[in-house]
Amino acid sequence: MKNILIIGAGRSASACINYCLNHAAENGGFVTVADANPEQAQKRINNHPNGRSAWLDVNKSNDRKDLISRHDIVVSLLPAHLHLLVATDCIKYQKHLVTASYVSKEMYRLGDEARNASLIFMGEMGLDPGIDHMSAMKLLDNIRDKGGNITAFRSYAGGLIAPESDDNPWHYKFTWNPRNVVLAGQGTAQYMENGKYKYIPYSRLFKEHHSVDVPGMGPYDAYANRDSLLYREIYGVEGIPNILRATLRFPGFCDAWNALVQIGLTDGSYPIHDADKITYHEWMNAYLPAGNGSVKERMADFLGEKIDSDVMNKLEWLGLFRKKRINMKQATPALILEHLLLDKWKLSPKDKDMIIMQHEIEYELDNQKKKVVSSMVMKGKDENDTAMSRLVGLPMGIFVKLIIDGKITTTGVNIPVMKEVYDPVLEELEKYGVVFKEYETEMS
């Protein structure tokens, strides 16, 4: 069982591919990287003797089935909605499957079939979700093992730009799928606070952020993820009065992003007519009521901002008030914004990205209230060797090796919250600099 098929050669694929190739070289295995762009796949293989590239349009059933049938383990780095196609074939041809995406209800429905065939289907095996689950469960299990009663769980993560590469007023650059960044948070955030359910609709999400201090790094803005309540059962904290999962951004980002939401620029549900003919200046004017003053002045008034505020400076830096033609036919607001940000938030060749992950757990033990803060910070090397790529790809690669070595016994459709998974994966990740530093204090 040493033939690995990796489907997808995009942004986050390189670390997983390199890890699997190195392991194959040591153990006589073979890695195939398949992608709709064969040149990109070949680039990822980089002439490694234990690897080859292959063209694959995943929607072409016969080609997909042929590739899957000839391998032992499949790693899908496709967009989440395409995993089910791959999973169905893995069931048919008795192949193990690993992905980094959230596990859908449809995927969970394959659990019995996978278990009956003694197949390992592991989802959410990346960074977030992935390392967040594993590091959180290790902390929670350690506290429970010593008799602690957990009263609060808060988890934060952010894909950011490293301070030394921070050269724009938004303090942000793209290190993962730009479309997901633009559409992030849509829906209603749900969490628990002091035993009460809390709901924040998208229209208020980026306004109602809060500050989180990361030891050694300083304060960051945090906005709530869509559904923290899902993790009560998964983490074994069903009765907990406080649970929150949230995303980190540099201070000031959320206020400015809230302005984009309030204007309507993150909406992907309708096209902007004549978007190929109008300017950004005209586009902004189209969202404003009639009035006196320039478009920028009226926009500041609409948003309740001063003309020279930090928020307005960020919007102007994006070019939203420039008399430059958009040049996109029938594009939605979200697509126009994404196109604009792709240029403004692009990583330069020597830029370093940065991942921050932090868990905060409050618990009671021997009539004392305690708080544990566990933080991890990792920086990338450059625009290609990013921390994001490493932390999405390495957990999958390590888990594939564990399957090959026969060290995983849990079958069916799962996420990495069991000790037999998180202990060895986190232990090996430490060799790659993924180290969580823990700070424990007593609470009054």
Protein backbone atom coordinates (compact mmCIF):
# COMPACT_ATOMS: atom_id res chain seq x y z
CA MET A 1 0.00 0.00 0.00
CA LYS A 2 2.45 2.63 -1.19
CA ASN A 3 0.92 4.23 -4.25
CA ILE A 4 -0.49 7.67 -3.44
CA LEU A 5 -2.70 9.80 -5.67
CA ILE A 6 -2.85 13.52 -4.87
CA ILE A 7 -5.61 15.30 -6.77
CA GLY A 8 -5.00 19.04 -7.00
CA ALA A 9 -1.74 20.95 -7.40
CA GLY A 10 -2.83 24.40 -6.23
CA ARG A 11 -1.65 26.87 -3.59
CA SER A 12 -1.71 24.54 -0.60
CA ALA A 13 -0.48 21.39 -2.33
CA SER A 14 3.30 21.78 -2.33
CA ALA A 15 4.06 20.81 1.28
CA CYS A 16 1.87 17.70 1.14
CA ILE A 17 3.35 16.64 -2.20
CA ASN A 18 6.95 17.16 -1.03
CA TYR A 19 6.35 15.25 2.18
CA CYS A 20 4.78 12.29 0.35
CA LEU A 21 7.56 12.25 -2.26
CA ASN A 22 10.25 12.19 0.44
CA HIS A 23 8.50 9.37 2.26
CA ALA A 24 8.08 7.47 -1.00
CA ALA A 25 11.81 7.78 -1.70
CA GLU A 26 12.56 6.21 1.69
CA ASN A 27 10.05 3.38 1.39
CA GLY A 28 9.83 2.56 -2.30
CA GLY A 29 6.45 4.17 -2.81
CA PHE A 30 5.15 6.28 -5.69
CA VAL A 31 3.22 9.54 -5.86
CA THR A 32 1.00 10.71 -8.70
CA VAL A 33 -0.07 14.35 -8.75
CA ALA A 34 -3.12 14.92 -10.94
CA ASP A 35 -4.48 18.30 -11.96
CA ALA A 36 -6.43 19.97 -14.74
CA ASN A 37 -3.23 21.95 -15.30
CA PRO A 38 -0.60 19.26 -16.02
CA GLU A 39 2.21 21.83 -16.13
CA GLN A 40 1.40 22.86 -12.57
CA ALA A 41 1.36 19.23 -11.49
CA GLN A 42 4.71 18.62 -13.18
CA LYS A 43 6.14 21.67 -11.45
CA ARG A 44 5.09 20.27 -8.07
CA ILE A 45 6.72 16.90 -8.85
CA ASN A 46 9.92 18.68 -9.97
CA ASN A 47 11.30 15.58 -11.74
CA HIS A 48 11.34 13.55 -8.52
CA PRO A 49 12.12 9.91 -9.37
CA ASN A 50 9.27 8.66 -7.18
CA GLY A 51 6.63 10.90 -8.71
CA ARG A 52 4.78 11.64 -11.90
CA SER A 53 2.18 14.14 -13.04
CA ALA A 54 -1.13 13.39 -14.69
CA TRP A 55 -3.84 15.41 -16.37
CA LEU A 56 -7.26 15.08 -14.76
CA ASP A 57 -10.55 16.81 -15.21
CA VAL A 58 -12.23 15.46 -12.09
CA ASN A 59 -15.66 15.70 -13.71
CA LYS A 60 -14.62 13.16 -16.38
CA SER A 61 -15.79 9.99 -14.68
CA ASN A 62 -13.75 7.41 -16.60
CA ASP A 63 -10.44 9.25 -16.22
CA ARG A 64 -11.07 9.87 -12.52
CA LYS A 65 -11.99 6.24 -11.85
CA ASP A 66 -8.99 4.95 -13.81
CA LEU A 67 -6.55 6.99 -11.73
CA ILE A 68 -8.20 6.18 -8.39
CA SER A 69 -8.35 2.45 -9.14
CA ARG A 70 -4.58 2.32 -9.67
CA HIS A 71 -3.59 3.80 -6.30
CA ASP A 72 -3.88 2.81 -2.64
CA ILE A 73 -4.51 6.14 -0.92
CA VAL A 74 -6.14 9.25 -2.38
CA VAL A 75 -5.50 12.78 -1.12
CA SER A 76 -8.08 15.22 -2.44
CA LEU A 77 -7.07 18.87 -2.54
CA LEU A 78 -10.03 19.77 -4.70
CA PRO A 79 -12.69 22.33 -3.78
CA ALA A 80 -14.90 20.84 -1.07
CA HIS A 81 -17.96 20.28 -3.28
CA LEU A 82 -15.97 17.89 -5.51
CA HIS A 83 -14.79 15.55 -2.75
CA LEU A 84 -17.95 13.47 -2.95
CA LEU A 85 -17.15 12.42 -6.53
CA VAL A 86 -13.77 11.17 -5.38
CA ALA A 87 -15.16 9.57 -2.21
CA THR A 88 -17.75 7.55 -4.11
CA ASP A 89 -15.02 6.10 -6.34
CA CYS A 90 -12.84 5.39 -3.31
CA ILE A 91 -15.68 3.31 -1.86
CA LYS A 92 -16.10 1.44 -5.14
CA TYR A 93 -12.39 0.68 -5.57
CA GLN A 94 -11.57 0.22 -1.84
CA LYS A 95 -9.18 3.16 -1.44
CA HIS A 96 -8.45 5.27 1.64
CA LEU A 97 -9.20 9.00 1.37
CA VAL A 98 -7.72 12.10 3.06
CA THR A 99 -8.94 15.70 2.65
CA ALA A 100 -8.41 19.04 4.38
CA SER A 101 -11.97 20.31 3.88
CA TYR A 102 -14.89 20.41 6.29
CA VAL A 103 -16.77 17.11 6.15
CA SER A 104 -20.18 17.56 4.57
CA LYS A 105 -23.37 15.77 5.61
CA GLU A 106 -23.22 13.88 2.31
CA MET A 107 -19.72 12.68 3.11
CA TYR A 108 -20.73 11.53 6.59
CA ARG A 109 -23.47 9.44 4.99
CA LEU A 110 -20.72 7.31 3.43
CA GLY A 111 -19.45 6.42 6.90
CA ASP A 112 -21.07 2.98 7.17
CA GLU A 113 -19.95 1.94 3.68
CA ALA A 114 -16.39 3.04 4.41
CA ARG A 115 -16.37 1.30 7.79
CA ASN A 116 -17.80 -1.92 6.37
CA ALA A 117 -14.98 -1.91 3.79
CA SER A 118 -12.37 -1.15 6.50
CA LEU A 119 -11.57 2.13 4.76
CA ILE A 120 -10.12 5.23 6.41
CA PHE A 121 -11.81 8.43 5.28
CA MET A 122 -10.22 11.34 7.17
CA GLY A 123 -11.51 14.86 6.56
CA GLU A 124 -10.58 18.22 8.11
CA MET A 125 -6.92 17.14 8.15
CA GLY A 126 -5.31 20.50 7.36
CA LEU A 127 -4.72 23.67 9.35
CA ASP A 128 -8.14 25.09 10.18
CA PRO A 129 -9.84 22.66 10.19
CA GLY A 130 -7.17 20.18 11.22
CA ILE A 131 -4.37 21.34 13.49
CA ASP A 132 -6.97 23.32 15.43
CA HIS A 133 -8.92 20.11 16.18
CA MET A 134 -5.84 18.11 17.13
CA SER A 135 -4.20 20.72 19.35
CA ALA A 136 -7.52 21.55 21.03
CA MET A 137 -8.38 17.92 21.73
CA LYS A 138 -4.96 17.26 23.21
CA LEU A 139 -5.43 20.17 25.62
CA LEU A 140 -9.00 19.22 26.50
CA ASP A 141 -8.14 15.55 27.03
CA ASN A 142 -5.16 16.46 29.26
CA ILE A 143 -7.38 18.66 31.45
CA ARG A 144 -10.10 15.99 31.65
CA ASP A 145 -7.52 13.28 32.47
CA LYS A 146 -6.44 15.18 35.59
CA GLY A 147 -10.04 15.71 36.69
CA GLY A 148 -10.60 19.28 35.51
CA ASN A 149 -14.11 20.59 34.78
CA ILE A 150 -13.99 22.69 31.63
CA THR A 151 -16.07 25.89 31.73
CA ALA A 152 -14.88 27.82 28.65
CA PHE A 153 -13.30 27.00 25.32
CA ARG A 154 -12.27 29.68 22.84
CA SER A 155 -10.20 29.00 19.75
CA TYR A 156 -8.68 31.53 17.35
CA ALA A 157 -6.79 31.19 14.08
CA GLY A 158 -5.67 33.52 11.33
CA GLY A 159 -3.72 33.38 8.09
CA LEU A 160 -1.91 36.72 8.11
CA ILE A 161 1.05 38.60 6.69
CA ALA A 162 4.21 38.59 8.81
CA PRO A 163 5.04 42.01 10.34
CA GLU A 164 8.29 42.27 8.35
CA SER A 165 6.32 41.90 5.09
CA ASP A 166 3.43 44.15 6.12
CA ASP A 167 3.55 47.09 3.70
CA ASN A 168 -0.09 48.05 3.10
CA PRO A 169 -2.68 49.81 5.28
CA TRP A 170 -4.93 46.73 5.48
CA HIS A 171 -2.08 44.67 7.04
CA TYR A 172 -3.24 41.72 4.96
CA LYS A 173 -2.31 39.76 1.83
CA PHE A 174 -3.74 36.64 0.20
CA THR A 175 -2.21 33.36 1.36
CA TRP A 176 -5.21 31.14 0.53
CA ASN A 177 -8.25 31.08 -1.73
CA PRO A 178 -9.16 34.74 -2.46
CA ARG A 179 -12.80 33.89 -3.14
CA ASN A 180 -13.14 32.37 0.33
CA VAL A 181 -11.67 35.51 1.90
CA VAL A 182 -14.17 37.75 0.09
CA LEU A 183 -17.13 35.56 1.06
CA ALA A 184 -15.92 34.76 4.60
CA GLY A 185 -18.46 35.02 7.39
CA GLN A 186 -21.60 35.00 5.28
CA GLY A 187 -24.45 33.46 7.22
CA THR A 188 -25.05 33.88 10.95
CA ALA A 189 -22.36 33.25 13.56
CA GLN A 190 -23.48 31.10 16.51
CA TYR A 191 -21.72 30.54 19.82
CA MET A 192 -22.34 30.38 23.58
CA GLU A 193 -21.49 32.97 26.21
CA ASN A 194 -22.20 32.48 29.92
CA GLY A 195 -24.69 29.73 29.14
CA LYS A 196 -26.64 31.81 26.62
CA TYR A 197 -26.88 31.27 22.87
CA LYS A 198 -25.50 34.20 20.87
CA TYR A 199 -26.19 34.99 17.22
CA ILE A 200 -24.48 37.57 15.02
CA PRO A 201 -25.88 38.03 11.47
CA TYR A 202 -23.44 38.77 8.67
CA SER A 203 -24.53 42.41 8.51
CA ARG A 204 -23.08 42.94 12.01
CA LEU A 205 -20.31 40.34 12.11
CA PHE A 206 -17.29 42.51 11.32
CA LYS A 207 -18.55 45.37 13.45
CA GLU A 208 -18.93 43.19 16.53
CA HIS A 209 -15.34 42.00 16.68
CA HIS A 210 -13.32 41.82 19.89
CA SER A 211 -9.64 42.00 20.82
CA VAL A 212 -7.49 38.95 21.60
CA ASP A 213 -3.99 39.19 23.04
CA VAL A 214 -1.47 36.73 21.62
CA PRO A 215 1.53 36.33 23.95
CA GLY A 216 4.63 37.88 22.41
CA MET A 217 2.70 39.22 19.43
CA GLY A 218 0.20 41.74 20.80
CA PRO A 219 -3.51 42.37 20.23
CA TYR A 220 -5.51 41.11 17.24
CA ASP A 221 -9.10 41.58 16.10
CA ALA A 222 -11.28 38.46 16.21
CA TYR A 223 -14.65 37.86 14.54
CA ALA A 224 -16.82 34.82 15.27
CA ASN A 225 -16.84 31.84 12.92
CA ARG A 226 -20.14 30.65 11.47
CA ASP A 227 -21.09 27.84 13.88
CA SER A 228 -19.06 27.22 17.03
CA LEU A 229 -21.90 25.13 18.47
CA LEU A 230 -21.10 22.21 16.14
CA TYR A 231 -17.99 21.49 18.18
CA ARG A 232 -19.65 20.91 21.55
CA GLU A 233 -20.29 17.23 20.81
CA ILE A 234 -17.16 16.74 18.69
CA TYR A 235 -14.92 18.06 21.48
CA GLY A 236 -16.92 16.36 24.24
CA VAL A 237 -17.95 19.62 25.89
CA GLU A 238 -21.73 19.44 25.44
CA GLY A 239 -22.57 21.16 28.74
CA ILE A 240 -20.00 23.91 28.49
CA PRO A 241 -21.35 27.46 29.11
CA ASN A 242 -18.79 29.21 26.88
CA ILE A 243 -17.63 28.11 23.45
CA LEU A 244 -16.34 30.24 20.58
CA ARG A 245 -14.27 29.70 17.46
CA ALA A 246 -13.10 32.86 15.70
CA THR A 247 -10.82 34.26 13.00
CA LEU A 248 -7.91 36.63 13.70
CA ARG A 249 -6.99 39.76 11.75
CA PHE A 250 -4.67 42.69 12.45
CA PRO A 251 -6.33 45.58 14.35
CA GLY A 252 -8.34 47.81 12.02
CA PHE A 253 -9.05 45.17 9.38
CA CYS A 254 -12.53 44.23 10.64
CA ASP A 255 -13.75 47.84 10.80
CA ALA A 256 -12.68 48.44 7.19
CA TRP A 257 -14.08 45.12 5.98
CA ASN A 258 -17.34 45.99 7.71
CA ALA A 259 -17.46 49.09 5.48
CA LEU A 260 -17.21 46.88 2.37
CA VAL A 261 -20.04 44.72 3.71
CA GLN A 262 -22.23 47.74 4.48
CA ILE A 263 -21.68 49.18 0.99
CA GLY A 264 -22.63 45.81 -0.52
CA LEU A 265 -19.35 44.88 -2.18
CA THR A 266 -19.17 41.30 -0.83
CA ASP A 267 -22.49 40.31 -2.40
CA GLY A 268 -22.17 37.60 -5.06
CA SER A 269 -25.86 37.25 -5.88
CA TYR A 270 -26.35 39.71 -8.77
CA PRO A 271 -24.34 41.23 -11.65
CA ILE A 272 -23.26 44.85 -12.02
CA HIS A 273 -24.64 45.98 -15.37
CA ASP A 274 -22.11 47.50 -17.80
CA ALA A 275 -19.27 46.70 -15.38
CA ASP A 276 -16.94 46.64 -18.36
CA LYS A 277 -17.78 50.27 -19.16
CA ILE A 278 -18.02 52.04 -15.80
CA THR A 279 -15.29 53.19 -13.42
CA TYR A 280 -14.81 52.27 -9.77
CA HIS A 281 -15.81 55.85 -8.98
CA GLU A 282 -19.11 55.41 -10.84
CA TRP A 283 -19.64 52.04 -9.19
CA MET A 284 -19.33 53.56 -5.71
CA ASN A 285 -21.65 56.41 -6.68
CA ALA A 286 -24.29 53.86 -7.70
CA TYR A 287 -24.56 52.68 -4.07
CA LEU A 288 -25.07 56.17 -2.62
CA PRO A 289 -28.15 58.35 -2.23
CA ALA A 290 -28.09 61.69 -4.02
CA GLY A 291 -26.42 64.54 -2.17
CA ASN A 292 -23.81 67.24 -2.17
CA GLY A 293 -20.08 66.64 -2.13
CA SER A 294 -17.73 64.18 -3.80
CA VAL A 295 -18.36 60.45 -3.93
CA LYS A 296 -15.72 59.93 -1.24
CA GLU A 297 -17.32 62.57 1.01
CA ARG A 298 -20.79 61.09 0.58
CA MET A 299 -19.43 57.58 1.17
CA ALA A 300 -17.80 58.73 4.42
CA ASP A 301 -21.12 60.25 5.48
CA PHE A 302 -22.99 57.05 4.53
CA LEU A 303 -20.58 54.95 6.61
CA GLY A 304 -20.52 57.38 9.54
CA GLU A 305 -16.80 57.99 9.06
CA LYS A 306 -14.66 61.09 8.92
CA ILE A 307 -13.22 61.76 5.45
CA ASP A 308 -9.66 61.10 6.71
CA SER A 309 -10.48 58.14 8.98
CA ASP A 310 -8.49 54.92 8.94
CA VAL A 311 -11.43 53.13 7.30
CA MET A 312 -11.74 55.70 4.50
CA ASN A 313 -7.98 55.66 3.90
CA LYS A 314 -8.14 51.89 3.46
CA LEU A 315 -11.00 52.16 0.96
CA GLU A 316 -9.18 54.85 -1.00
CA TRP A 317 -5.98 52.78 -1.04
CA LEU A 318 -7.93 49.97 -2.72
CA GLY A 319 -8.78 52.34 -5.55
CA LEU A 320 -12.54 52.41 -5.03
CA PHE A 321 -12.76 56.12 -5.77
CA ARG A 322 -10.50 56.10 -8.83
CA LYS A 323 -11.88 57.00 -12.24
CA LYS A 324 -10.43 53.79 -13.64
CA ARG A 325 -12.60 51.44 -15.69
CA ILE A 326 -13.50 48.12 -14.05
CA ASN A 327 -13.31 46.19 -17.35
CA MET A 328 -15.29 43.14 -16.23
CA LYS A 329 -18.45 42.03 -18.02
CA GLN A 330 -21.55 41.27 -15.93
CA ALA A 331 -19.45 40.56 -12.83
CA THR A 332 -20.98 40.40 -9.35
CA PRO A 333 -19.85 42.89 -6.68
CA ALA A 334 -17.93 40.12 -4.89
CA LEU A 335 -16.11 39.15 -8.10
CA ILE A 336 -15.17 42.77 -8.85
CA LEU A 337 -13.88 43.17 -5.29
CA GLU A 338 -11.93 39.91 -5.53
CA HIS A 339 -10.36 41.04 -8.83
CA LEU A 340 -9.33 44.34 -7.25
CA LEU A 341 -7.90 42.69 -4.15
CA LEU A 342 -5.95 40.10 -6.13
CA ASP A 343 -3.75 42.94 -7.37
CA LYS A 344 -3.62 44.90 -4.11
CA TRP A 345 -3.10 41.97 -1.73
CA LYS A 346 -0.72 39.88 -3.82
CA LEU A 347 2.31 38.38 -2.10
CA SER A 348 5.63 39.70 -3.37
CA PRO A 349 8.36 37.10 -4.09
CA LYS A 350 10.11 37.57 -0.74
CA ASP A 351 7.01 38.15 1.38
CA LYS A 352 6.49 35.98 4.44
CA ASP A 353 3.05 34.97 5.57
CA MET A 354 2.21 34.13 9.18
CA ILE A 355 -0.17 31.70 10.86
CA ILE A 356 -1.39 32.31 14.39
CA MET A 357 -3.45 29.78 16.31
CA GLN A 358 -4.49 30.15 19.94
CA HIS A 359 -6.71 28.19 22.32
CA GLU A 360 -7.98 29.61 25.60
CA ILE A 361 -9.49 27.11 28.05
CA GLU A 362 -10.90 27.87 31.48
CA TYR A 363 -11.47 25.03 33.93
CA GLU A 364 -11.97 24.23 37.60
CA LEU A 365 -9.79 21.78 39.52
CA ASP A 366 -9.61 21.27 43.30
CA ASN A 367 -11.83 24.31 43.90
CA GLN A 368 -9.49 26.53 41.90
CA LYS A 369 -10.33 28.31 38.65
CA LYS A 370 -7.58 28.11 36.07
CA LYS A 371 -6.94 29.32 32.53
CA VAL A 372 -4.66 27.79 29.92
CA VAL A 373 -3.57 29.76 26.85
CA SER A 374 -1.88 27.70 24.14
CA SER A 375 -0.40 29.64 21.20
CA MET A 376 1.39 28.75 17.97
CA VAL A 377 2.99 31.21 15.55
CA MET A 378 4.65 30.16 12.30
CA LYS A 379 6.06 32.27 9.46
CA GLY A 380 6.61 31.23 5.86
CA LYS A 381 9.82 31.58 3.87
CA ASP A 382 8.57 33.35 0.72
CA GLU A 383 5.56 33.57 -1.60
CA ASN A 384 5.91 29.91 -2.62
CA ASP A 385 7.02 28.28 0.63
CA THR A 386 4.26 29.70 2.79
CA ALA A 387 3.29 28.81 6.35
CA MET A 388 -0.24 28.32 5.03
CA SER A 389 0.92 25.70 2.52
CA ARG A 390 2.97 23.88 5.14
CA LEU A 391 0.28 23.81 7.79
CA VAL A 392 -2.43 22.69 5.37
CA GLY A 393 -0.26 20.12 3.61
CA LEU A 394 1.98 18.60 6.29
CA PRO A 395 -0.81 17.11 8.46
CA MET A 396 -2.21 15.31 5.41
CA GLY A 397 1.20 14.00 4.41
CA ILE A 398 1.96 12.79 7.93
CA PHE A 399 -1.44 11.10 8.18
CA VAL A 400 -0.90 9.33 4.84
CA LYS A 401 2.37 7.96 6.21
CA LEU A 402 0.58 6.73 9.34
CA ILE A 403 -1.92 4.85 7.15
CA ILE A 404 0.90 3.28 5.12
CA ASP A 405 2.70 2.25 8.32
CA GLY A 406 -0.48 0.59 9.63
CA LYS A 407 -0.75 2.87 12.67
CA ILE A 408 -4.35 4.01 12.11
CA THR A 409 -7.12 1.63 13.16
CA THR A 410 -10.14 3.96 13.12
CA THR A 411 -12.19 3.39 9.97
CA GLY A 412 -15.20 5.19 8.51
CA VAL A 413 -15.60 8.94 7.98
CA ASN A 414 -13.88 10.94 10.72
CA ILE A 415 -12.09 14.11 11.66
CA PRO A 416 -8.79 14.10 13.63
CA VAL A 417 -10.01 14.30 17.23
CA MET A 418 -8.87 10.87 18.42
CA LYS A 419 -5.65 10.29 20.36
CA GLU A 420 -4.25 7.73 17.90
CA VAL A 421 -4.28 10.52 15.29
CA TYR A 422 -3.47 13.73 17.12
CA ASP A 423 -0.58 12.41 19.22
CA PRO A 424 1.68 11.20 16.36
CA VAL A 425 0.70 14.00 13.95
CA LEU A 426 1.35 16.79 16.46
CA GLU A 427 4.57 15.11 17.58
CA GLU A 428 5.94 15.07 14.03
CA LEU A 429 4.68 18.58 13.28
CA GLU A 430 6.90 19.85 16.10
CA LYS A 431 9.91 18.80 14.00
CA TYR A 432 8.68 21.29 11.39
CA GLY A 433 8.38 24.14 13.87
CA VAL A 434 4.71 23.71 14.74
CA VAL A 435 5.10 24.27 18.47
CA PHE A 436 2.34 25.35 20.86
CA LYS A 437 3.52 27.32 23.90
CA GLU A 438 1.31 26.97 26.96
CA TYR A 439 0.72 29.53 29.69
CA GLU A 440 -1.39 28.63 32.73
CA THR A 441 -2.70 31.10 35.30
CA GLU A 442 -5.03 30.95 38.27
CA MET A 443 -8.20 33.03 37.97
CA SER A 444 -9.75 34.99 40.81
